[in-house]
Structures are given as C-alpha cells and as structure tokens.
C-alpha cells in the first residue's frame, strides 16, 4: 500500500523557512508544493532555490491552494497568530515555528480554532522527537531512576555543525529504595 505524500506549503521565505525546506527534502512521504511571500520576487527566488512548483505573492493565495495539506508558518513571531488562523480558516493543518504565540492568549486562540476546524496544529519543537529525548522520557516514565523532581538541560546551537550541543544536564530524583 502506497503512503499518501503530504503536500506542504511554506508561508514566509526567511532564514528559518530555508532551514525547514532543506530538512523537508529528506522526508520521504512529503513534498514541498508551494511557497508564499508578501513579495512575489522573493517567493519565485525561494521556489527556484528549492525546486518548488508553485510560488505565490501573498499568504492568502498560498492557503487558498486546494492541493496544500499542511502549512509551515515561518514568519516573525508577532505574525504567528494571524498567519496560523489564516491557514486554519482555510482548513489547512499547521506546523508553526517557535514560539507558536507570543503569549498564552494567542496560543489558546490558535488551539481553539484548530479544534473547531478539526485540524492538526503543532509548534515546531523538533527536539521532542530526538531519540535521546524519547529514551529519556521512557526511562523517567518507567520509574527506573526514581521519581524525577527536577530536570534541566542547557544547550546551545552550533552554527558550524548545525547541531545542538548539550552543555549540562542535571536530574534530581527521589531515591526509589
């Protein structure tokens, strides 16, 4: 049985949109189908760089494309709510770059709209899917190390390698014995 290819639209053409488009190229069941920008020339340039078949000169045009399944919101933080609601109002699933909203009220309005439209909405916090995070969650959930009272992780992004480097991890547990 063939898996349906998910058709993505990227809303915005800045640095984070470039990073996302690059990463999406290795996802086997996904296709970068369109890009939207407030500037048609930027949309065309971005589409050319990533071999995207459609470029739109407005966000409205992008979210109106019936072929797009999911929209990745890659605009400045203060526009996340407006752009996410625009996509949800056009019945699109949404992956919104961090932070999803600039405050709790914005985030809650987006969540409520996604529920109303029965659409998937997620903040683009990719680190939750890393194998080490999944394994850590499983160990904590099992109680193997006792009851975790506090866990802190400090990391930094290394632009040369494109990876997060863990600087310090502290885990405080209640002794299970």
N, C-alpha and C. Protein backbone atom coordinates (compact mmCIF):
# COMPACT_ATOMS: atom_id res chain seq x y z
N UNK A 1 0.84 -1.19 0.00
CA UNK A 1 0.00 0.00 0.00
C UNK A 1 0.88 1.25 0.00
N UNK A 2 0.59 2.17 -0.89
CA UNK A 2 1.38 3.38 -1.01
C UNK A 2 0.92 4.43 -0.01
N UNK A 3 1.88 5.05 0.66
CA UNK A 3 1.58 6.10 1.61
C UNK A 3 1.32 7.41 0.85
N UNK A 4 0.29 8.13 1.26
CA UNK A 4 -0.04 9.42 0.65
C UNK A 4 1.10 10.40 0.90
N UNK A 5 1.51 11.09 -0.12
CA UNK A 5 2.53 12.14 0.03
C UNK A 5 1.84 13.39 0.58
N UNK A 6 2.41 13.95 1.61
CA UNK A 6 1.88 15.16 2.23
C UNK A 6 2.43 16.36 1.47
N UNK A 7 1.52 17.21 1.03
CA UNK A 7 1.93 18.40 0.27
C UNK A 7 2.00 19.60 1.20
N UNK A 8 3.21 20.14 1.32
CA UNK A 8 3.50 21.25 2.22
C UNK A 8 3.53 22.57 1.48
N UNK A 9 3.06 23.60 2.17
CA UNK A 9 3.24 24.97 1.73
C UNK A 9 4.01 25.70 2.81
N UNK A 10 4.97 26.51 2.41
CA UNK A 10 5.73 27.31 3.37
C UNK A 10 5.26 28.75 3.27
N UNK A 11 4.86 29.30 4.40
CA UNK A 11 4.37 30.67 4.47
C UNK A 11 5.50 31.52 5.06
N UNK A 12 6.20 32.24 4.19
CA UNK A 12 7.36 33.03 4.59
C UNK A 12 8.60 32.51 3.90
N UNK A 13 9.59 33.39 3.71
CA UNK A 13 10.79 32.99 2.96
C UNK A 13 12.09 33.36 3.66
N UNK A 14 12.03 33.56 4.97
CA UNK A 14 13.23 33.94 5.71
C UNK A 14 14.16 32.77 6.01
N UNK A 15 15.12 33.02 6.88
CA UNK A 15 16.15 32.04 7.22
C UNK A 15 15.57 30.72 7.71
N UNK A 16 14.60 30.78 8.62
CA UNK A 16 14.04 29.55 9.18
C UNK A 16 13.28 28.77 8.11
N UNK A 17 12.69 29.45 7.15
CA UNK A 17 12.00 28.78 6.04
C UNK A 17 13.00 28.00 5.20
N UNK A 18 14.19 28.57 5.00
CA UNK A 18 15.25 27.88 4.26
C UNK A 18 15.68 26.61 5.01
N UNK A 19 15.82 26.73 6.31
CA UNK A 19 16.22 25.58 7.12
C UNK A 19 15.17 24.47 7.02
N UNK A 20 13.90 24.84 7.12
CA UNK A 20 12.82 23.86 7.04
C UNK A 20 12.77 23.21 5.66
N UNK A 21 12.87 24.01 4.60
CA UNK A 21 12.82 23.48 3.24
C UNK A 21 13.95 22.50 2.99
N UNK A 22 15.12 22.80 3.51
CA UNK A 22 16.27 21.89 3.38
C UNK A 22 15.98 20.58 4.09
N UNK A 23 15.47 20.66 5.31
CA UNK A 23 15.18 19.45 6.09
C UNK A 23 14.08 18.61 5.45
N UNK A 24 13.08 19.26 4.88
CA UNK A 24 11.94 18.55 4.30
C UNK A 24 12.34 17.73 3.08
N UNK A 25 13.44 18.08 2.45
CA UNK A 25 13.88 17.36 1.26
C UNK A 25 14.26 15.91 1.53
N UNK A 26 14.54 15.57 2.78
CA UNK A 26 14.90 14.18 3.09
C UNK A 26 13.74 13.39 3.69
N UNK A 27 12.57 14.00 3.78
CA UNK A 27 11.39 13.31 4.30
C UNK A 27 10.69 12.63 3.13
N UNK A 28 10.64 11.31 3.18
CA UNK A 28 10.21 10.54 2.01
C UNK A 28 8.74 10.70 1.63
N UNK A 29 7.85 10.91 2.57
CA UNK A 29 6.43 10.98 2.23
C UNK A 29 5.91 12.42 2.15
N UNK A 30 6.82 13.36 1.96
CA UNK A 30 6.43 14.77 1.90
C UNK A 30 6.92 15.42 0.62
N UNK A 31 6.18 16.43 0.22
CA UNK A 31 6.53 17.18 -0.99
C UNK A 31 6.34 18.66 -0.71
N UNK A 32 7.35 19.43 -1.00
CA UNK A 32 7.26 20.88 -0.85
C UNK A 32 6.58 21.40 -2.12
N UNK A 33 5.29 21.73 -2.00
CA UNK A 33 4.46 22.00 -3.17
C UNK A 33 4.29 23.48 -3.49
N UNK A 34 4.45 24.36 -2.48
CA UNK A 34 4.23 25.79 -2.74
C UNK A 34 4.90 26.63 -1.67
N UNK A 35 5.17 27.87 -2.02
CA UNK A 35 5.70 28.84 -1.07
C UNK A 35 4.94 30.15 -1.27
N UNK A 36 4.68 30.84 -0.17
CA UNK A 36 4.00 32.12 -0.24
C UNK A 36 4.80 33.19 0.47
N UNK A 37 4.84 34.36 -0.11
CA UNK A 37 5.55 35.51 0.46
C UNK A 37 4.73 36.75 0.18
N UNK A 38 4.98 37.81 0.92
CA UNK A 38 4.32 39.08 0.63
C UNK A 38 4.98 39.74 -0.58
N UNK A 39 6.12 39.20 -1.00
CA UNK A 39 6.89 39.73 -2.12
C UNK A 39 7.04 38.62 -3.17
N UNK A 40 6.40 38.78 -4.32
CA UNK A 40 6.40 37.74 -5.34
C UNK A 40 7.82 37.38 -5.79
N UNK A 41 8.69 38.37 -5.91
CA UNK A 41 10.07 38.08 -6.33
C UNK A 41 10.77 37.16 -5.34
N UNK A 42 10.56 37.39 -4.04
CA UNK A 42 11.15 36.52 -3.03
C UNK A 42 10.56 35.11 -3.10
N UNK A 43 9.26 35.03 -3.36
CA UNK A 43 8.62 33.71 -3.49
C UNK A 43 9.19 32.95 -4.68
N UNK A 44 9.37 33.63 -5.80
CA UNK A 44 9.92 33.00 -7.00
C UNK A 44 11.36 32.55 -6.75
N UNK A 45 12.15 33.39 -6.12
CA UNK A 45 13.55 33.05 -5.82
C UNK A 45 13.61 31.84 -4.90
N UNK A 46 12.80 31.81 -3.86
CA UNK A 46 12.76 30.70 -2.91
C UNK A 46 12.32 29.42 -3.64
N UNK A 47 11.28 29.52 -4.44
CA UNK A 47 10.77 28.36 -5.19
C UNK A 47 11.85 27.81 -6.12
N UNK A 48 12.58 28.68 -6.77
CA UNK A 48 13.65 28.26 -7.67
C UNK A 48 14.76 27.54 -6.91
N UNK A 49 15.12 28.09 -5.76
CA UNK A 49 16.19 27.50 -4.95
C UNK A 49 15.87 26.08 -4.50
N UNK A 50 14.59 25.81 -4.19
CA UNK A 50 14.20 24.50 -3.66
C UNK A 50 13.34 23.68 -4.65
N UNK A 51 13.31 24.07 -5.91
CA UNK A 51 12.54 23.37 -6.94
C UNK A 51 11.08 23.17 -6.51
N UNK A 52 10.47 24.24 -6.03
CA UNK A 52 9.07 24.22 -5.60
C UNK A 52 8.22 24.64 -6.80
N UNK A 53 7.21 23.83 -7.15
CA UNK A 53 6.45 24.12 -8.37
C UNK A 53 5.59 25.39 -8.34
N UNK A 54 5.17 25.83 -7.15
CA UNK A 54 4.27 27.00 -7.10
C UNK A 54 4.83 28.07 -6.17
N UNK A 55 4.76 29.32 -6.64
CA UNK A 55 5.16 30.46 -5.83
C UNK A 55 4.02 31.47 -5.84
N UNK A 56 3.68 31.94 -4.64
CA UNK A 56 2.58 32.90 -4.52
C UNK A 56 3.09 34.20 -3.92
N UNK A 57 2.50 35.31 -4.39
CA UNK A 57 2.87 36.63 -3.91
C UNK A 57 2.04 37.11 -2.74
N UNK A 58 1.28 36.21 -2.13
CA UNK A 58 0.54 36.56 -0.91
C UNK A 58 0.30 35.30 -0.09
N UNK A 59 0.11 35.49 1.19
CA UNK A 59 -0.18 34.36 2.08
C UNK A 59 -1.57 33.80 1.79
N UNK A 60 -2.49 34.69 1.46
CA UNK A 60 -3.86 34.28 1.15
C UNK A 60 -3.88 33.31 -0.04
N UNK A 61 -3.09 33.61 -1.07
CA UNK A 61 -3.03 32.72 -2.24
C UNK A 61 -2.50 31.34 -1.85
N UNK A 62 -1.48 31.32 -1.02
CA UNK A 62 -0.90 30.04 -0.59
C UNK A 62 -1.93 29.19 0.13
N UNK A 63 -2.59 29.75 1.14
CA UNK A 63 -3.54 28.95 1.93
C UNK A 63 -4.80 28.62 1.15
N UNK A 64 -5.06 29.32 0.04
CA UNK A 64 -6.22 29.03 -0.80
C UNK A 64 -5.96 27.90 -1.79
N UNK A 65 -4.72 27.48 -1.91
CA UNK A 65 -4.37 26.40 -2.85
C UNK A 65 -4.98 25.09 -2.33
N UNK A 66 -5.90 24.49 -3.07
CA UNK A 66 -6.57 23.27 -2.60
C UNK A 66 -5.65 22.05 -2.52
N UNK A 67 -4.49 22.10 -3.16
CA UNK A 67 -3.57 20.96 -3.13
C UNK A 67 -2.71 20.91 -1.88
N UNK A 68 -2.63 22.00 -1.14
CA UNK A 68 -1.77 22.06 0.04
C UNK A 68 -2.46 21.40 1.22
N UNK A 69 -1.77 20.45 1.86
CA UNK A 69 -2.29 19.75 3.04
C UNK A 69 -1.92 20.45 4.34
N UNK A 70 -0.65 20.87 4.42
CA UNK A 70 -0.12 21.45 5.66
C UNK A 70 0.64 22.72 5.32
N UNK A 71 0.49 23.72 6.18
CA UNK A 71 1.23 24.97 6.01
C UNK A 71 2.21 25.11 7.17
N UNK A 72 3.46 25.38 6.80
CA UNK A 72 4.50 25.68 7.79
C UNK A 72 4.59 27.20 7.91
N UNK A 73 4.36 27.71 9.11
CA UNK A 73 4.39 29.16 9.36
C UNK A 73 5.81 29.55 9.73
N UNK A 74 6.44 30.36 8.85
CA UNK A 74 7.85 30.73 9.04
C UNK A 74 8.01 32.25 9.01
N UNK A 75 7.09 32.93 9.65
CA UNK A 75 7.11 34.39 9.68
C UNK A 75 7.59 34.87 11.05
N UNK A 76 7.81 36.17 11.21
CA UNK A 76 8.20 36.68 12.54
C UNK A 76 7.17 36.33 13.61
N UNK A 77 7.63 36.20 14.84
CA UNK A 77 6.80 35.76 15.97
C UNK A 77 5.49 36.51 16.10
N UNK A 78 5.54 37.82 15.92
CA UNK A 78 4.34 38.62 16.13
C UNK A 78 3.27 38.38 15.05
N UNK A 79 3.60 37.65 14.01
CA UNK A 79 2.64 37.32 12.96
C UNK A 79 2.15 35.88 13.03
N UNK A 80 2.67 35.09 13.94
CA UNK A 80 2.30 33.68 14.01
C UNK A 80 0.80 33.47 14.20
N UNK A 81 0.20 34.21 15.12
CA UNK A 81 -1.24 34.01 15.35
C UNK A 81 -2.04 34.34 14.09
N UNK A 82 -1.81 35.49 13.51
CA UNK A 82 -2.56 35.91 12.33
C UNK A 82 -2.40 34.91 11.20
N UNK A 83 -1.17 34.48 10.95
CA UNK A 83 -0.92 33.57 9.83
C UNK A 83 -1.43 32.15 10.11
N UNK A 84 -1.34 31.71 11.35
CA UNK A 84 -1.87 30.39 11.71
C UNK A 84 -3.38 30.38 11.56
N UNK A 85 -4.04 31.42 12.06
CA UNK A 85 -5.51 31.49 11.93
C UNK A 85 -5.93 31.58 10.46
N UNK A 86 -5.15 32.28 9.65
CA UNK A 86 -5.44 32.35 8.22
C UNK A 86 -5.42 30.95 7.61
N UNK A 87 -4.39 30.18 7.92
CA UNK A 87 -4.29 28.82 7.38
C UNK A 87 -5.41 27.92 7.92
N UNK A 88 -5.67 28.01 9.22
CA UNK A 88 -6.74 27.19 9.80
C UNK A 88 -8.10 27.55 9.23
N UNK A 89 -8.33 28.84 8.97
CA UNK A 89 -9.59 29.28 8.37
C UNK A 89 -9.77 28.74 6.95
N UNK A 90 -8.68 28.33 6.34
CA UNK A 90 -8.72 27.72 5.00
C UNK A 90 -8.58 26.19 5.10
N UNK A 91 -8.85 25.68 6.28
CA UNK A 91 -8.89 24.22 6.53
C UNK A 91 -7.56 23.52 6.27
N UNK A 92 -6.46 24.20 6.61
CA UNK A 92 -5.13 23.61 6.46
C UNK A 92 -4.63 23.16 7.83
N UNK A 93 -3.88 22.08 7.85
CA UNK A 93 -3.15 21.69 9.04
C UNK A 93 -1.98 22.65 9.14
N UNK A 94 -1.46 22.86 10.37
CA UNK A 94 -0.43 23.88 10.55
C UNK A 94 0.70 23.38 11.44
N UNK A 95 1.93 23.63 10.98
CA UNK A 95 3.13 23.50 11.80
C UNK A 95 3.66 24.91 11.92
N UNK A 96 3.63 25.45 13.15
CA UNK A 96 4.01 26.84 13.37
C UNK A 96 5.37 26.91 14.06
N UNK A 97 6.24 27.72 13.51
CA UNK A 97 7.57 27.88 14.10
C UNK A 97 7.44 28.44 15.51
N UNK A 98 8.47 28.20 16.33
CA UNK A 98 8.50 28.64 17.72
C UNK A 98 8.69 30.16 17.79
N UNK A 99 8.12 30.80 18.75
CA UNK A 99 7.06 30.33 19.62
C UNK A 99 5.73 30.37 18.86
N UNK A 100 4.85 29.45 19.19
CA UNK A 100 3.58 29.40 18.48
C UNK A 100 2.84 30.73 18.63
N UNK A 101 2.75 31.21 19.84
CA UNK A 101 2.13 32.51 20.10
C UNK A 101 3.07 33.31 20.98
N UNK A 102 2.91 34.61 20.96
CA UNK A 102 3.77 35.43 21.81
C UNK A 102 3.27 35.50 23.25
N UNK A 103 2.07 34.95 23.48
CA UNK A 103 1.55 34.85 24.84
C UNK A 103 0.52 33.72 24.89
N UNK A 104 0.08 33.40 26.08
CA UNK A 104 -0.86 32.30 26.27
C UNK A 104 -2.17 32.54 25.52
N UNK A 105 -2.67 33.76 25.52
CA UNK A 105 -3.94 34.05 24.88
C UNK A 105 -3.88 33.76 23.37
N UNK A 106 -2.79 34.18 22.72
CA UNK A 106 -2.65 33.89 21.30
C UNK A 106 -2.63 32.39 21.04
N UNK A 107 -1.82 31.68 21.81
CA UNK A 107 -1.71 30.23 21.64
C UNK A 107 -3.06 29.55 21.84
N UNK A 108 -3.80 29.97 22.84
CA UNK A 108 -5.11 29.36 23.12
C UNK A 108 -6.10 29.63 21.98
N UNK A 109 -6.06 30.83 21.40
CA UNK A 109 -6.95 31.12 20.27
C UNK A 109 -6.62 30.20 19.09
N UNK A 110 -5.35 29.97 18.86
CA UNK A 110 -4.95 29.08 17.75
C UNK A 110 -5.39 27.64 18.04
N UNK A 111 -5.19 27.20 19.26
CA UNK A 111 -5.57 25.83 19.64
C UNK A 111 -7.08 25.65 19.50
N UNK A 112 -7.84 26.60 19.99
CA UNK A 112 -9.31 26.51 19.89
C UNK A 112 -9.77 26.48 18.43
N UNK A 113 -9.15 27.30 17.59
CA UNK A 113 -9.52 27.31 16.17
C UNK A 113 -9.17 25.98 15.52
N UNK A 114 -8.02 25.41 15.85
CA UNK A 114 -7.64 24.11 15.30
C UNK A 114 -8.64 23.03 15.72
N UNK A 115 -9.08 23.08 16.97
CA UNK A 115 -10.09 22.13 17.43
C UNK A 115 -11.40 22.31 16.68
N UNK A 116 -11.83 23.56 16.51
CA UNK A 116 -13.08 23.86 15.81
C UNK A 116 -13.03 23.35 14.37
N UNK A 117 -11.89 23.54 13.72
CA UNK A 117 -11.73 23.13 12.32
C UNK A 117 -11.30 21.67 12.17
N UNK A 118 -11.06 21.00 13.31
CA UNK A 118 -10.58 19.62 13.31
C UNK A 118 -9.30 19.49 12.48
N UNK A 119 -8.36 20.38 12.75
CA UNK A 119 -7.08 20.44 12.04
C UNK A 119 -5.95 20.20 13.02
N UNK A 120 -4.86 19.62 12.53
CA UNK A 120 -3.66 19.41 13.31
C UNK A 120 -2.92 20.73 13.43
N UNK A 121 -2.49 21.06 14.65
CA UNK A 121 -1.71 22.26 14.91
C UNK A 121 -0.59 21.88 15.86
N UNK A 122 0.64 22.23 15.50
CA UNK A 122 1.77 21.92 16.36
C UNK A 122 2.83 23.00 16.26
N UNK A 123 3.43 23.29 17.40
CA UNK A 123 4.59 24.16 17.43
C UNK A 123 5.79 23.36 16.94
N UNK A 124 6.62 23.95 16.13
CA UNK A 124 7.76 23.26 15.52
C UNK A 124 8.90 23.06 16.52
N UNK A 125 8.63 22.24 17.50
CA UNK A 125 9.64 21.93 18.52
C UNK A 125 10.19 20.54 18.22
N UNK A 126 11.07 20.46 17.23
CA UNK A 126 11.55 19.18 16.72
C UNK A 126 12.32 18.37 17.74
N UNK A 127 12.89 19.01 18.74
CA UNK A 127 13.74 18.27 19.69
C UNK A 127 12.94 17.21 20.46
N UNK A 128 11.64 17.35 20.57
CA UNK A 128 10.85 16.34 21.28
C UNK A 128 10.86 14.99 20.60
N UNK A 129 11.27 14.94 19.32
CA UNK A 129 11.30 13.70 18.56
C UNK A 129 12.70 13.09 18.44
N UNK A 130 13.69 13.70 19.07
CA UNK A 130 15.04 13.15 19.03
C UNK A 130 15.10 11.85 19.83
N UNK A 131 15.85 10.87 19.36
CA UNK A 131 15.94 9.58 20.06
C UNK A 131 16.34 9.69 21.53
N UNK A 132 17.27 10.59 21.84
CA UNK A 132 17.70 10.72 23.24
C UNK A 132 16.59 11.28 24.12
N UNK A 133 15.76 12.15 23.59
CA UNK A 133 14.64 12.70 24.36
C UNK A 133 13.57 11.63 24.56
N UNK A 134 13.28 10.87 23.52
CA UNK A 134 12.30 9.78 23.61
C UNK A 134 12.75 8.75 24.64
N UNK A 135 14.04 8.38 24.61
CA UNK A 135 14.59 7.39 25.56
C UNK A 135 14.54 7.94 26.99
N UNK A 136 14.89 9.21 27.16
CA UNK A 136 14.85 9.82 28.49
C UNK A 136 13.43 9.81 29.04
N UNK A 137 12.46 10.16 28.21
CA UNK A 137 11.06 10.15 28.65
C UNK A 137 10.62 8.74 29.07
N UNK A 138 11.06 7.73 28.31
CA UNK A 138 10.70 6.35 28.64
C UNK A 138 11.31 5.92 29.97
N UNK A 139 12.57 6.28 30.21
CA UNK A 139 13.23 5.93 31.48
C UNK A 139 12.54 6.61 32.64
N UNK A 140 12.23 7.88 32.49
CA UNK A 140 11.55 8.62 33.56
C UNK A 140 10.17 8.01 33.82
N UNK A 141 9.43 7.72 32.76
CA UNK A 141 8.08 7.16 32.91
C UNK A 141 8.09 5.78 33.57
N UNK A 142 9.16 5.02 33.36
CA UNK A 142 9.24 3.67 33.93
C UNK A 142 9.49 3.68 35.43
N UNK A 143 9.98 4.80 35.96
CA UNK A 143 10.32 4.86 37.38
C UNK A 143 11.67 4.23 37.70
N UNK A 144 12.37 3.79 36.69
CA UNK A 144 13.66 3.11 36.83
C UNK A 144 14.67 3.91 37.66
N UNK A 145 14.63 5.21 37.55
CA UNK A 145 15.61 6.03 38.28
C UNK A 145 14.97 6.74 39.48
N UNK A 146 13.75 6.38 39.81
CA UNK A 146 13.05 7.04 40.90
C UNK A 146 12.14 8.14 40.36
N UNK A 147 11.54 8.87 41.27
CA UNK A 147 10.65 9.95 40.86
C UNK A 147 11.46 11.20 40.57
N UNK A 148 11.37 11.67 39.35
CA UNK A 148 12.11 12.87 38.95
C UNK A 148 11.43 14.09 39.55
N UNK A 149 12.20 14.86 40.28
CA UNK A 149 11.68 16.09 40.88
C UNK A 149 11.99 17.31 40.03
N UNK A 150 13.13 17.27 39.35
CA UNK A 150 13.54 18.39 38.52
C UNK A 150 14.57 17.91 37.51
N UNK A 151 14.42 18.38 36.27
CA UNK A 151 15.41 18.08 35.24
C UNK A 151 15.65 19.35 34.45
N UNK A 152 16.90 19.70 34.29
CA UNK A 152 17.25 20.87 33.48
C UNK A 152 18.30 20.46 32.46
N UNK A 153 18.18 21.04 31.27
CA UNK A 153 19.14 20.78 30.21
C UNK A 153 19.50 22.13 29.60
N UNK A 154 20.78 22.39 29.50
CA UNK A 154 21.26 23.60 28.86
C UNK A 154 22.01 23.20 27.61
N UNK A 155 21.64 23.82 26.50
CA UNK A 155 22.31 23.51 25.24
C UNK A 155 22.51 24.79 24.45
N UNK A 156 23.29 24.67 23.43
CA UNK A 156 23.48 25.79 22.52
C UNK A 156 23.55 25.25 21.10
N UNK A 157 23.19 26.08 20.16
CA UNK A 157 23.19 25.70 18.75
C UNK A 157 24.54 26.03 18.16
N UNK A 158 25.18 25.05 17.54
CA UNK A 158 26.46 25.24 16.88
C UNK A 158 26.21 25.46 15.39
N UNK A 159 26.39 26.68 14.92
CA UNK A 159 26.10 27.00 13.52
C UNK A 159 27.03 26.26 12.55
N UNK A 160 28.24 25.93 12.98
CA UNK A 160 29.18 25.23 12.10
C UNK A 160 28.71 23.81 11.79
N UNK A 161 28.21 23.12 12.80
CA UNK A 161 27.78 21.73 12.59
C UNK A 161 26.28 21.61 12.38
N UNK A 162 25.52 22.66 12.70
CA UNK A 162 24.07 22.61 12.58
C UNK A 162 23.42 21.73 13.64
N UNK A 163 24.10 21.56 14.77
CA UNK A 163 23.58 20.69 15.83
C UNK A 163 23.52 21.44 17.16
N UNK A 164 22.63 20.95 18.01
CA UNK A 164 22.59 21.45 19.38
C UNK A 164 23.63 20.69 20.19
N UNK A 165 24.35 21.40 20.99
CA UNK A 165 25.37 20.78 21.84
C UNK A 165 24.89 20.90 23.28
N UNK A 166 24.77 19.77 23.96
CA UNK A 166 24.35 19.77 25.36
C UNK A 166 25.53 20.21 26.20
N UNK A 167 25.31 21.23 26.99
CA UNK A 167 26.35 21.77 27.85
C UNK A 167 26.27 21.15 29.24
N UNK A 168 25.06 20.99 29.74
CA UNK A 168 24.89 20.48 31.09
C UNK A 168 23.52 19.85 31.25
N UNK A 169 23.47 18.71 31.94
CA UNK A 169 22.21 18.07 32.29
C UNK A 169 22.22 17.80 33.78
N UNK A 170 21.16 18.19 34.45
CA UNK A 170 21.01 17.92 35.88
C UNK A 170 19.68 17.23 36.09
N UNK A 171 19.71 16.08 36.76
CA UNK A 171 18.47 15.36 37.07
C UNK A 171 18.45 15.11 38.57
N UNK A 172 17.38 15.55 39.19
CA UNK A 172 17.22 15.36 40.62
C UNK A 172 16.08 14.37 40.84
N UNK A 173 16.39 13.26 41.49
CA UNK A 173 15.38 12.22 41.69
C UNK A 173 15.23 11.91 43.17
N UNK A 174 14.07 11.33 43.46
CA UNK A 174 13.82 10.80 44.80
C UNK A 174 14.28 9.36 44.78
N UNK A 175 15.12 8.97 45.71
CA UNK A 175 15.68 7.62 45.77
C UNK A 175 14.57 6.58 45.83
N UNK A 176 14.52 5.64 44.83
CA UNK A 176 13.44 4.65 44.80
C UNK A 176 13.58 3.57 45.86
N UNK A 177 14.71 3.47 46.53
CA UNK A 177 14.90 2.37 47.51
C UNK A 177 14.32 2.69 48.87
